[in-house]
N, C-alpha and C. Protein backbone atom coordinates (compact mmCIF):
# COMPACT_ATOMS: atom_id res chain seq x y z
N MET A 1 -206.35 -120.52 -68.27
CA MET A 1 -207.59 -119.48 -68.70
C MET A 1 -207.55 -118.83 -67.20
N LEU A 2 -207.90 -119.29 -66.15
CA LEU A 2 -207.92 -119.00 -64.91
C LEU A 2 -206.60 -118.31 -64.72
N LEU A 3 -205.45 -118.79 -64.89
CA LEU A 3 -204.33 -117.93 -64.13
C LEU A 3 -204.18 -116.61 -64.87
N SER A 4 -204.30 -116.57 -66.45
CA SER A 4 -204.53 -115.31 -67.04
C SER A 4 -205.30 -114.53 -66.34
N THR A 5 -206.63 -114.76 -66.19
CA THR A 5 -207.54 -113.74 -65.59
C THR A 5 -206.97 -113.23 -64.32
N LEU A 6 -206.54 -114.25 -63.34
CA LEU A 6 -205.71 -113.94 -61.95
C LEU A 6 -204.73 -112.72 -62.53
N ALA A 7 -203.92 -113.16 -63.40
CA ALA A 7 -202.65 -112.44 -63.65
C ALA A 7 -203.25 -110.87 -63.94
N ALA A 8 -204.06 -111.13 -65.20
CA ALA A 8 -204.69 -109.85 -65.37
C ALA A 8 -205.29 -108.73 -64.20
N GLY A 9 -206.31 -109.79 -63.59
CA GLY A 9 -206.67 -108.80 -62.18
C GLY A 9 -205.58 -108.35 -61.63
N GLY A 10 -204.55 -109.28 -61.13
CA GLY A 10 -203.38 -108.77 -60.18
C GLY A 10 -202.94 -107.63 -60.69
N ALA A 11 -202.53 -107.89 -61.98
CA ALA A 11 -201.66 -106.66 -62.55
C ALA A 11 -202.44 -105.17 -62.43
N ALA A 12 -204.07 -105.26 -62.54
CA ALA A 12 -204.73 -104.06 -62.42
C ALA A 12 -204.80 -103.62 -60.76
N ALA A 13 -204.76 -104.63 -60.11
CA ALA A 13 -204.58 -104.17 -58.77
C ALA A 13 -203.40 -103.58 -58.31
N GLY A 14 -202.26 -104.06 -59.19
CA GLY A 14 -200.92 -103.60 -58.90
C GLY A 14 -200.88 -102.02 -59.13
N CYS A 15 -201.72 -101.61 -59.92
CA CYS A 15 -201.40 -100.07 -60.20
C CYS A 15 -201.59 -99.31 -59.03
N GLY A 16 -201.50 -97.93 -58.95
CA GLY A 16 -201.70 -96.99 -58.35
C GLY A 16 -202.69 -96.48 -58.43
N SER A 17 -203.51 -96.01 -57.12
CA SER A 17 -204.48 -95.63 -57.26
C SER A 17 -204.73 -94.12 -56.65
N ASP A 18 -205.98 -93.33 -56.47
CA ASP A 18 -206.01 -92.24 -56.05
C ASP A 18 -206.09 -92.15 -54.65
N ASP A 19 -206.67 -93.34 -53.83
CA ASP A 19 -206.72 -93.42 -52.54
C ASP A 19 -205.30 -93.29 -51.71
N GLY A 20 -204.41 -93.55 -52.18
CA GLY A 20 -203.24 -93.53 -51.28
C GLY A 20 -202.82 -94.94 -50.95
N VAL A 21 -203.80 -96.09 -51.13
CA VAL A 21 -203.38 -97.53 -50.83
C VAL A 21 -203.02 -98.01 -52.24
N VAL A 22 -201.74 -98.78 -51.94
CA VAL A 22 -200.82 -99.36 -53.11
C VAL A 22 -200.71 -100.99 -52.84
N THR A 23 -201.51 -101.83 -53.61
CA THR A 23 -201.21 -103.12 -53.01
C THR A 23 -200.37 -103.90 -54.00
N ALA A 24 -199.33 -104.72 -53.81
CA ALA A 24 -198.21 -105.61 -54.36
C ALA A 24 -199.09 -106.58 -55.53
N PRO A 25 -198.36 -106.40 -56.70
CA PRO A 25 -198.84 -107.38 -57.61
C PRO A 25 -198.87 -108.76 -57.27
N ALA A 26 -199.73 -109.23 -58.14
CA ALA A 26 -200.37 -110.60 -57.54
C ALA A 26 -199.35 -111.60 -58.20
N THR A 27 -198.74 -112.64 -57.84
CA THR A 27 -197.75 -113.65 -58.08
C THR A 27 -198.39 -114.70 -58.98
N THR A 28 -197.82 -115.30 -59.76
CA THR A 28 -198.41 -116.49 -60.64
C THR A 28 -198.50 -117.75 -59.67
N ALA A 29 -199.90 -118.37 -59.66
CA ALA A 29 -200.23 -119.63 -59.30
C ALA A 29 -200.07 -120.80 -59.74
N ALA A 30 -199.87 -121.92 -59.33
CA ALA A 30 -200.02 -123.24 -59.91
C ALA A 30 -201.29 -123.37 -60.45
N ALA A 31 -201.78 -124.11 -61.12
CA ALA A 31 -202.99 -124.71 -61.74
C ALA A 31 -203.90 -125.20 -60.64
N SER A 32 -203.30 -125.81 -59.89
CA SER A 32 -203.86 -126.60 -58.47
C SER A 32 -204.16 -126.04 -57.73
N VAL A 33 -204.07 -124.67 -57.66
CA VAL A 33 -204.45 -123.53 -56.46
C VAL A 33 -205.79 -123.15 -56.63
N PRO A 34 -206.79 -123.31 -55.89
CA PRO A 34 -208.36 -122.99 -55.94
C PRO A 34 -208.18 -121.36 -56.22
N ALA A 35 -209.30 -120.94 -56.86
CA ALA A 35 -209.64 -119.54 -57.37
C ALA A 35 -209.58 -119.01 -55.77
N LEU A 36 -208.89 -117.77 -56.16
CA LEU A 36 -208.65 -117.11 -54.83
C LEU A 36 -209.87 -116.05 -54.97
N THR A 37 -210.37 -115.76 -53.64
CA THR A 37 -211.39 -114.58 -53.41
C THR A 37 -210.66 -113.38 -52.91
N PRO A 38 -210.88 -112.22 -53.64
CA PRO A 38 -210.23 -110.98 -53.02
C PRO A 38 -210.46 -110.76 -51.64
N ALA A 39 -209.71 -110.39 -50.94
CA ALA A 39 -209.93 -109.84 -49.60
C ALA A 39 -210.55 -108.65 -49.17
N PRO A 40 -211.47 -108.13 -48.54
CA PRO A 40 -211.68 -107.10 -48.31
C PRO A 40 -210.64 -105.99 -48.21
N ALA A 41 -210.69 -104.97 -48.78
CA ALA A 41 -209.46 -103.71 -48.78
C ALA A 41 -209.86 -103.25 -47.34
N PRO A 42 -208.57 -103.17 -46.58
CA PRO A 42 -208.40 -102.51 -45.40
C PRO A 42 -208.93 -101.02 -45.79
N THR A 43 -209.56 -100.37 -44.72
CA THR A 43 -210.13 -99.12 -44.69
C THR A 43 -208.75 -98.48 -44.17
N ALA A 44 -208.36 -97.47 -44.68
CA ALA A 44 -207.23 -96.58 -44.27
C ALA A 44 -207.87 -95.09 -43.95
N THR A 45 -207.03 -94.20 -43.27
CA THR A 45 -207.79 -92.82 -43.14
C THR A 45 -206.44 -92.00 -43.53
N ALA A 46 -206.61 -91.40 -44.27
CA ALA A 46 -205.30 -90.25 -44.53
C ALA A 46 -205.45 -89.52 -43.59
N THR A 47 -204.15 -89.31 -42.82
CA THR A 47 -204.26 -88.12 -42.09
C THR A 47 -203.20 -86.94 -42.46
N THR A 48 -202.93 -85.92 -41.55
CA THR A 48 -202.10 -84.94 -41.93
C THR A 48 -201.34 -84.87 -40.61
N PRO A 49 -200.14 -84.45 -40.67
CA PRO A 49 -199.28 -84.25 -39.31
C PRO A 49 -200.30 -83.55 -38.57
N GLY A 50 -200.58 -83.41 -37.13
CA GLY A 50 -201.16 -82.63 -36.37
C GLY A 50 -202.62 -82.77 -36.47
N ALA A 51 -203.17 -83.61 -37.31
CA ALA A 51 -204.73 -83.71 -37.24
C ALA A 51 -204.87 -84.67 -36.33
N THR A 52 -206.14 -84.92 -35.69
CA THR A 52 -206.79 -86.01 -34.85
C THR A 52 -207.66 -86.80 -35.44
N SER A 53 -207.28 -88.00 -34.91
CA SER A 53 -208.65 -89.33 -35.23
C SER A 53 -209.96 -88.94 -35.34
N PRO A 54 -210.68 -89.09 -36.09
CA PRO A 54 -212.19 -88.92 -35.64
C PRO A 54 -212.46 -89.53 -34.25
N ALA A 55 -211.89 -90.56 -33.80
CA ALA A 55 -212.50 -91.29 -32.49
C ALA A 55 -211.99 -90.22 -31.31
N ALA A 56 -210.81 -89.52 -31.58
CA ALA A 56 -210.18 -88.64 -30.82
C ALA A 56 -210.93 -86.92 -30.53
N THR A 57 -212.07 -86.98 -31.31
CA THR A 57 -212.61 -85.35 -31.25
C THR A 57 -213.39 -85.31 -30.07
N THR A 58 -213.61 -84.30 -29.75
CA THR A 58 -214.62 -84.29 -28.44
C THR A 58 -215.87 -83.99 -29.23
N PRO A 59 -217.10 -84.42 -28.60
CA PRO A 59 -218.07 -84.18 -28.98
C PRO A 59 -218.82 -82.55 -28.64
N THR A 60 -219.70 -82.20 -29.70
CA THR A 60 -220.21 -80.85 -29.47
C THR A 60 -221.58 -80.89 -29.14
N ALA A 61 -222.13 -80.19 -27.95
CA ALA A 61 -223.34 -80.11 -27.68
C ALA A 61 -224.06 -79.13 -28.83
N THR A 62 -225.32 -79.44 -29.20
CA THR A 62 -225.87 -78.35 -30.21
C THR A 62 -227.30 -77.99 -29.82
N THR A 63 -227.84 -77.22 -30.08
CA THR A 63 -229.35 -76.64 -29.97
C THR A 63 -230.21 -77.09 -30.68
N GLY A 64 -229.78 -77.69 -32.01
CA GLY A 64 -230.61 -78.35 -33.05
C GLY A 64 -230.94 -77.18 -33.84
N VAL A 65 -230.56 -75.95 -33.47
CA VAL A 65 -231.13 -74.63 -34.60
C VAL A 65 -229.74 -74.40 -35.27
N PRO A 66 -229.76 -74.61 -36.78
CA PRO A 66 -228.32 -74.43 -37.55
C PRO A 66 -228.19 -72.90 -37.59
N THR A 67 -226.96 -72.39 -37.29
CA THR A 67 -226.59 -71.15 -37.64
C THR A 67 -225.87 -71.05 -39.24
N GLN A 68 -226.31 -70.10 -39.59
CA GLN A 68 -225.87 -69.69 -41.04
C GLN A 68 -224.16 -69.05 -40.86
N GLU A 69 -223.45 -69.50 -42.13
CA GLU A 69 -222.08 -69.00 -41.94
C GLU A 69 -221.82 -67.72 -41.62
N GLY A 70 -221.05 -67.33 -40.86
CA GLY A 70 -220.91 -65.60 -40.96
C GLY A 70 -221.71 -65.13 -39.41
N GLN A 71 -222.75 -66.10 -39.08
CA GLN A 71 -223.29 -65.73 -37.91
C GLN A 71 -223.02 -66.24 -36.58
N GLN A 72 -223.01 -65.26 -35.83
CA GLN A 72 -222.48 -66.00 -34.39
C GLN A 72 -223.79 -66.19 -33.72
N GLY A 73 -223.66 -67.50 -32.66
CA GLY A 73 -224.67 -67.60 -32.13
C GLY A 73 -224.90 -66.69 -31.07
N THR A 74 -226.38 -66.94 -30.21
CA THR A 74 -226.50 -66.03 -29.33
C THR A 74 -226.84 -66.64 -27.91
N GLY A 75 -227.02 -66.24 -26.62
CA GLY A 75 -227.21 -66.76 -25.53
C GLY A 75 -225.96 -67.62 -25.30
N GLU A 76 -226.16 -68.87 -24.69
CA GLU A 76 -225.28 -69.67 -24.22
C GLU A 76 -224.21 -70.22 -25.31
N THR A 77 -224.92 -69.96 -26.69
CA THR A 77 -223.57 -70.50 -27.59
C THR A 77 -222.95 -68.96 -28.03
N GLY A 78 -223.52 -67.89 -27.58
CA GLY A 78 -222.60 -66.72 -28.21
C GLY A 78 -221.17 -66.47 -27.52
N PRO A 79 -220.67 -65.44 -27.72
CA PRO A 79 -219.29 -64.69 -27.22
C PRO A 79 -219.56 -65.08 -25.80
N GLY A 80 -218.57 -65.97 -24.95
CA GLY A 80 -218.46 -66.28 -23.69
C GLY A 80 -219.47 -67.28 -23.33
N GLY A 81 -220.14 -67.90 -23.96
CA GLY A 81 -221.04 -68.89 -23.74
C GLY A 81 -221.66 -68.65 -22.35
N GLY A 82 -221.82 -70.12 -21.85
CA GLY A 82 -222.80 -70.26 -20.55
C GLY A 82 -221.50 -69.62 -19.58
N GLY A 83 -222.33 -69.21 -18.28
CA GLY A 83 -221.94 -68.61 -17.16
C GLY A 83 -221.15 -67.02 -17.16
N ASP A 84 -221.16 -66.58 -18.52
CA ASP A 84 -220.99 -65.02 -18.67
C ASP A 84 -222.05 -63.99 -18.43
N GLU A 85 -222.74 -64.49 -17.47
CA GLU A 85 -224.29 -63.77 -17.38
C GLU A 85 -223.79 -62.68 -16.30
N GLU A 86 -224.31 -61.64 -16.35
CA GLU A 86 -224.17 -60.48 -15.20
C GLU A 86 -225.62 -60.28 -14.85
N ALA A 87 -225.52 -59.80 -13.25
CA ALA A 87 -226.98 -59.42 -12.95
C ALA A 87 -227.17 -58.29 -13.42
N ALA A 88 -228.54 -57.97 -13.71
CA ALA A 88 -229.08 -56.80 -14.43
C ALA A 88 -228.98 -55.46 -13.29
N ARG A 89 -228.71 -54.41 -13.74
CA ARG A 89 -228.23 -53.34 -12.98
C ARG A 89 -228.78 -52.16 -13.46
N VAL A 90 -229.39 -51.41 -12.22
CA VAL A 90 -230.10 -50.20 -12.48
C VAL A 90 -229.31 -49.07 -11.93
N PRO A 91 -228.94 -47.97 -12.96
CA PRO A 91 -228.27 -47.01 -12.24
C PRO A 91 -229.12 -45.80 -11.36
N ALA A 92 -228.43 -45.57 -10.53
CA ALA A 92 -228.96 -44.48 -9.50
C ALA A 92 -228.00 -43.45 -9.19
N ALA A 93 -228.08 -42.15 -9.73
CA ALA A 93 -226.96 -41.15 -9.68
C ALA A 93 -227.31 -39.85 -8.79
N PHE A 94 -226.76 -39.59 -7.69
CA PHE A 94 -227.01 -38.35 -7.05
C PHE A 94 -225.64 -37.49 -7.23
N ALA A 95 -225.93 -36.14 -7.06
CA ALA A 95 -225.20 -34.85 -6.85
C ALA A 95 -225.05 -34.15 -5.56
N VAL A 96 -224.20 -34.08 -4.96
CA VAL A 96 -224.03 -33.22 -3.70
C VAL A 96 -223.53 -31.90 -4.22
N SER A 97 -223.98 -30.88 -4.05
CA SER A 97 -223.20 -29.39 -4.20
C SER A 97 -224.06 -28.35 -3.35
N ALA A 98 -222.95 -27.72 -2.35
CA ALA A 98 -223.31 -26.68 -1.31
C ALA A 98 -223.87 -27.64 -0.41
N GLY A 99 -223.62 -28.79 0.03
CA GLY A 99 -224.65 -29.20 0.96
C GLY A 99 -225.75 -29.78 0.91
N ALA A 100 -226.52 -29.70 -0.73
CA ALA A 100 -227.53 -30.02 -0.98
C ALA A 100 -227.41 -31.08 -1.82
N ILE A 101 -228.35 -32.48 -1.94
CA ILE A 101 -228.31 -33.60 -2.66
C ILE A 101 -229.65 -33.43 -3.70
N SER A 102 -228.99 -33.79 -4.70
CA SER A 102 -230.11 -34.13 -5.80
C SER A 102 -229.98 -35.15 -6.66
N PRO A 103 -230.81 -35.74 -7.36
CA PRO A 103 -232.55 -35.40 -7.18
C PRO A 103 -232.80 -35.83 -5.41
N ALA A 104 -234.00 -35.29 -5.54
CA ALA A 104 -234.50 -35.54 -4.04
C ALA A 104 -234.89 -36.97 -3.85
N ARG A 105 -235.63 -37.54 -4.73
CA ARG A 105 -235.85 -39.00 -4.88
C ARG A 105 -235.64 -39.69 -6.15
N ILE A 106 -235.26 -40.84 -6.20
CA ILE A 106 -235.22 -41.85 -7.38
C ILE A 106 -235.89 -43.18 -7.43
N THR A 107 -236.67 -43.54 -7.94
CA THR A 107 -237.58 -44.64 -7.91
C THR A 107 -236.59 -45.96 -8.81
N LEU A 108 -236.78 -47.13 -8.05
CA LEU A 108 -236.06 -48.16 -8.52
C LEU A 108 -236.97 -49.49 -8.46
N PRO A 109 -236.60 -50.49 -9.03
CA PRO A 109 -237.51 -51.67 -9.24
C PRO A 109 -236.73 -52.82 -8.02
N ALA A 110 -237.66 -53.44 -7.25
CA ALA A 110 -236.95 -54.03 -6.11
C ALA A 110 -236.22 -55.19 -6.80
N PHE A 111 -235.47 -55.47 -5.77
CA PHE A 111 -234.07 -56.92 -6.09
C PHE A 111 -233.57 -56.83 -7.17
N LEU A 112 -233.52 -55.90 -7.95
CA LEU A 112 -232.43 -55.68 -9.17
C LEU A 112 -231.17 -54.96 -8.58
N THR A 113 -229.79 -55.19 -8.84
CA THR A 113 -229.04 -54.50 -8.49
C THR A 113 -228.66 -53.10 -8.91
N ILE A 114 -228.55 -52.37 -7.80
CA ILE A 114 -228.53 -50.89 -7.89
C ILE A 114 -227.05 -50.37 -8.08
N ALA A 115 -226.83 -49.51 -9.34
CA ALA A 115 -225.47 -48.90 -9.32
C ALA A 115 -225.45 -47.72 -8.94
N LEU A 116 -225.16 -47.39 -7.58
CA LEU A 116 -225.05 -46.23 -6.94
C LEU A 116 -224.13 -45.20 -7.17
N SER A 117 -224.29 -44.07 -7.67
CA SER A 117 -222.67 -43.05 -7.75
C SER A 117 -223.56 -41.92 -7.21
N VAL A 118 -222.55 -41.17 -6.32
CA VAL A 118 -222.80 -40.11 -5.55
C VAL A 118 -221.60 -38.86 -6.07
N THR A 119 -221.74 -37.92 -6.68
CA THR A 119 -220.46 -37.11 -7.01
C THR A 119 -220.59 -35.99 -6.06
N ALA A 120 -219.53 -35.26 -5.59
CA ALA A 120 -219.45 -34.07 -4.87
C ALA A 120 -218.77 -33.19 -5.90
N GLN A 121 -219.60 -32.34 -6.19
CA GLN A 121 -219.31 -31.28 -7.43
C GLN A 121 -218.22 -30.01 -6.95
N ARG A 122 -218.49 -29.63 -5.65
CA ARG A 122 -217.57 -28.61 -5.54
C ARG A 122 -216.80 -28.91 -4.26
N ALA A 123 -217.17 -29.36 -3.30
CA ALA A 123 -216.31 -29.41 -1.89
C ALA A 123 -216.76 -31.01 -1.64
N PRO A 124 -215.79 -31.38 -0.78
CA PRO A 124 -215.90 -32.62 -0.44
C PRO A 124 -217.10 -33.04 0.33
N ALA A 125 -217.60 -34.38 0.16
CA ALA A 125 -218.79 -34.48 0.96
C ALA A 125 -218.87 -35.78 1.75
N THR A 126 -219.69 -35.98 2.80
CA THR A 126 -219.97 -37.38 3.54
C THR A 126 -221.42 -37.66 3.40
N VAL A 127 -221.64 -38.68 2.87
CA VAL A 127 -223.04 -39.26 2.68
C VAL A 127 -223.32 -40.62 3.36
N THR A 128 -224.41 -40.52 3.96
CA THR A 128 -224.73 -41.87 4.96
C THR A 128 -225.96 -42.55 4.03
N LEU A 129 -225.65 -43.80 3.60
CA LEU A 129 -226.79 -44.74 3.39
C LEU A 129 -227.62 -45.40 4.40
N ALA A 130 -228.54 -45.43 4.61
CA ALA A 130 -229.41 -46.26 5.72
C ALA A 130 -229.99 -47.33 4.65
N LEU A 131 -229.61 -48.80 4.93
CA LEU A 131 -229.77 -49.95 4.62
C LEU A 131 -230.16 -50.74 5.50
N PRO A 132 -231.05 -51.85 4.84
CA PRO A 132 -231.32 -52.78 5.69
C PRO A 132 -230.17 -53.76 6.72
N SER A 133 -229.12 -53.73 5.87
CA SER A 133 -228.04 -54.34 6.71
C SER A 133 -227.23 -53.45 7.63
N GLY A 134 -227.42 -51.90 7.66
CA GLY A 134 -226.84 -51.12 8.15
C GLY A 134 -226.52 -49.78 7.46
N GLN A 135 -225.84 -48.80 8.24
CA GLN A 135 -225.78 -47.66 7.67
C GLN A 135 -224.39 -47.64 6.82
N ARG A 136 -224.04 -47.40 5.68
CA ARG A 136 -222.94 -47.09 5.31
C ARG A 136 -222.41 -45.79 4.67
N THR A 137 -221.49 -45.13 5.18
CA THR A 137 -220.98 -43.92 5.09
C THR A 137 -219.98 -43.85 3.75
N LEU A 138 -219.85 -42.84 2.75
CA LEU A 138 -219.35 -42.62 1.71
C LEU A 138 -218.39 -41.26 2.12
N ARG A 139 -217.36 -41.10 1.70
CA ARG A 139 -216.50 -39.93 1.75
C ARG A 139 -216.04 -39.68 0.53
N ILE A 140 -216.42 -38.64 0.05
CA ILE A 140 -216.04 -38.28 -1.34
C ILE A 140 -215.52 -36.82 -1.59
N ALA A 141 -214.21 -37.03 -2.18
CA ALA A 141 -213.38 -35.68 -2.38
C ALA A 141 -213.87 -35.03 -3.26
N ALA A 142 -213.78 -33.66 -3.44
CA ALA A 142 -214.04 -32.53 -4.30
C ALA A 142 -213.88 -32.95 -5.53
N GLY A 143 -215.11 -32.94 -6.46
CA GLY A 143 -215.17 -33.45 -7.98
C GLY A 143 -214.94 -34.71 -7.88
N GLY A 144 -214.88 -35.54 -7.06
CA GLY A 144 -214.92 -37.12 -7.27
C GLY A 144 -216.34 -37.67 -7.14
N THR A 145 -216.39 -39.14 -7.47
CA THR A 145 -217.59 -39.75 -7.18
C THR A 145 -217.17 -41.27 -6.86
N ALA A 146 -218.27 -41.36 -5.62
CA ALA A 146 -218.19 -42.66 -4.98
C ALA A 146 -219.25 -43.46 -5.69
N ARG A 147 -218.91 -44.97 -5.62
CA ARG A 147 -219.83 -45.91 -6.34
C ARG A 147 -220.13 -46.99 -5.52
N ARG A 148 -221.05 -47.68 -5.20
CA ARG A 148 -221.63 -48.81 -4.51
C ARG A 148 -222.37 -49.48 -5.38
N ARG A 149 -222.38 -50.97 -5.28
CA ARG A 149 -223.43 -51.59 -5.94
C ARG A 149 -224.17 -52.12 -4.65
N LEU A 150 -225.57 -52.16 -4.59
CA LEU A 150 -226.63 -52.45 -3.72
C LEU A 150 -227.44 -53.55 -4.31
N THR A 151 -227.44 -54.64 -3.42
CA THR A 151 -228.35 -55.64 -4.05
C THR A 151 -229.49 -56.32 -3.24
N GLY A 152 -230.62 -56.73 -3.85
CA GLY A 152 -231.65 -57.31 -3.14
C GLY A 152 -232.16 -56.49 -2.30
N LEU A 153 -232.53 -55.12 -2.79
CA LEU A 153 -233.41 -54.36 -1.69
C LEU A 153 -234.70 -54.62 -2.09
N ARG A 154 -235.72 -54.62 -0.92
CA ARG A 154 -237.06 -55.02 -0.98
C ARG A 154 -237.54 -53.49 -1.21
N PRO A 155 -238.85 -53.64 -1.80
CA PRO A 155 -239.64 -52.35 -1.82
C PRO A 155 -239.61 -51.47 -0.21
N GLY A 156 -239.37 -50.14 -0.50
CA GLY A 156 -239.46 -49.18 0.69
C GLY A 156 -238.50 -48.22 -0.02
N ASP A 157 -238.32 -46.95 1.31
CA ASP A 157 -237.66 -46.16 1.21
C ASP A 157 -236.45 -46.28 1.86
N TYR A 158 -235.32 -45.59 1.40
CA TYR A 158 -234.10 -45.59 1.82
C TYR A 158 -233.24 -44.54 1.76
N ALA A 159 -233.04 -43.64 3.20
CA ALA A 159 -232.50 -42.38 3.20
C ALA A 159 -231.13 -42.54 2.84
N VAL A 160 -230.84 -41.44 2.13
CA VAL A 160 -229.53 -41.18 1.38
C VAL A 160 -229.32 -39.35 2.12
N THR A 161 -228.44 -39.49 3.11
CA THR A 161 -228.50 -38.15 3.67
C THR A 161 -226.90 -37.72 3.57
N VAL A 162 -226.68 -36.29 3.58
CA VAL A 162 -225.54 -35.48 3.67
C VAL A 162 -225.30 -35.19 4.74
N ALA A 163 -223.82 -35.26 5.23
CA ALA A 163 -223.73 -34.45 6.83
C ALA A 163 -223.66 -32.97 6.37
N GLY A 164 -224.98 -32.53 7.23
CA GLY A 164 -225.24 -31.02 7.63
C GLY A 164 -226.90 -31.23 7.36
N GLY A 165 -227.50 -32.28 7.09
CA GLY A 165 -228.65 -32.44 7.14
C GLY A 165 -229.45 -32.70 5.68
N SER A 166 -228.95 -32.31 4.40
CA SER A 166 -229.75 -32.46 3.12
C SER A 166 -230.04 -33.99 3.22
N HIS A 167 -231.26 -34.35 2.47
CA HIS A 167 -231.06 -35.77 2.37
C HIS A 167 -232.25 -36.16 1.19
N ALA A 168 -232.07 -37.09 0.65
CA ALA A 168 -232.62 -38.00 -0.50
C ALA A 168 -233.36 -39.06 -0.23
N VAL A 169 -234.00 -39.68 -1.27
CA VAL A 169 -234.60 -41.18 -1.03
C VAL A 169 -234.34 -41.91 -2.13
N LEU A 170 -233.69 -43.14 -1.91
CA LEU A 170 -234.17 -44.30 -2.91
C LEU A 170 -235.39 -44.71 -2.53
N HIS A 171 -236.40 -44.73 -3.42
CA HIS A 171 -237.72 -45.39 -3.56
C HIS A 171 -237.54 -46.63 -4.22
N VAL A 172 -237.47 -47.79 -3.59
CA VAL A 172 -237.78 -49.15 -4.12
C VAL A 172 -239.15 -49.47 -4.34
N VAL A 173 -239.47 -49.70 -5.39
CA VAL A 173 -240.85 -50.56 -5.54
C VAL A 173 -240.88 -51.80 -6.20
N ALA A 174 -242.08 -52.58 -6.05
CA ALA A 174 -242.13 -54.00 -6.56
C ALA A 174 -242.68 -53.56 -7.98
N GLY A 175 -242.16 -53.78 -9.15
CA GLY A 175 -242.57 -53.51 -10.26
C GLY A 175 -242.17 -52.10 -10.56
N GLY A 176 -242.82 -51.30 -11.44
CA GLY A 176 -242.66 -49.89 -12.07
C GLY A 176 -241.48 -49.85 -12.77
N ALA A 177 -241.52 -48.52 -13.29
CA ALA A 177 -240.25 -48.28 -14.22
C ALA A 177 -239.54 -47.32 -13.28
N PRO A 178 -238.05 -47.66 -13.55
CA PRO A 178 -237.15 -46.51 -12.64
C PRO A 178 -237.01 -45.16 -13.42
N GLY A 179 -236.85 -44.16 -12.27
CA GLY A 179 -236.52 -42.89 -12.60
C GLY A 179 -236.25 -42.07 -11.68
N PRO A 180 -236.16 -40.65 -11.88
CA PRO A 180 -236.16 -39.68 -10.75
C PRO A 180 -237.33 -39.33 -9.84
């Protein structure tokens, strides 16, 4: 009786299964053989060519806030991730025409990067910037624009002078709103 039960169980185990694991059919044993206990089935992981095993994957840090499908993350998890930040920039644009510069004054917040541009509208112009680090001279072709980034300016007035005497002021303030 024991042998027929083992043989029936072995025949059932020998059938193919959906998990991809195939076992060999059991053989008939003599009556003197003690009852066999089934060995634990080996755990097999189906892999496809080019797939990595779970142990070979790289862990990913998360913020704990789930994103919905189709949504892109923001901040450090958004496009570019960490390190793609750029300093805040404030534009300041002057125009030189017939030796005169306008506007006469541009107010800017302190310590932000200033994206300065000076355009010579009709004739070439030479413009001098009086900065704490020293004077900077911009030579601009007729119809051209010179651009400079100024960083870390403290509150104060900084002269922008056109060769020939006309001048304007970069008025840098603590706080305040930028504008002409």
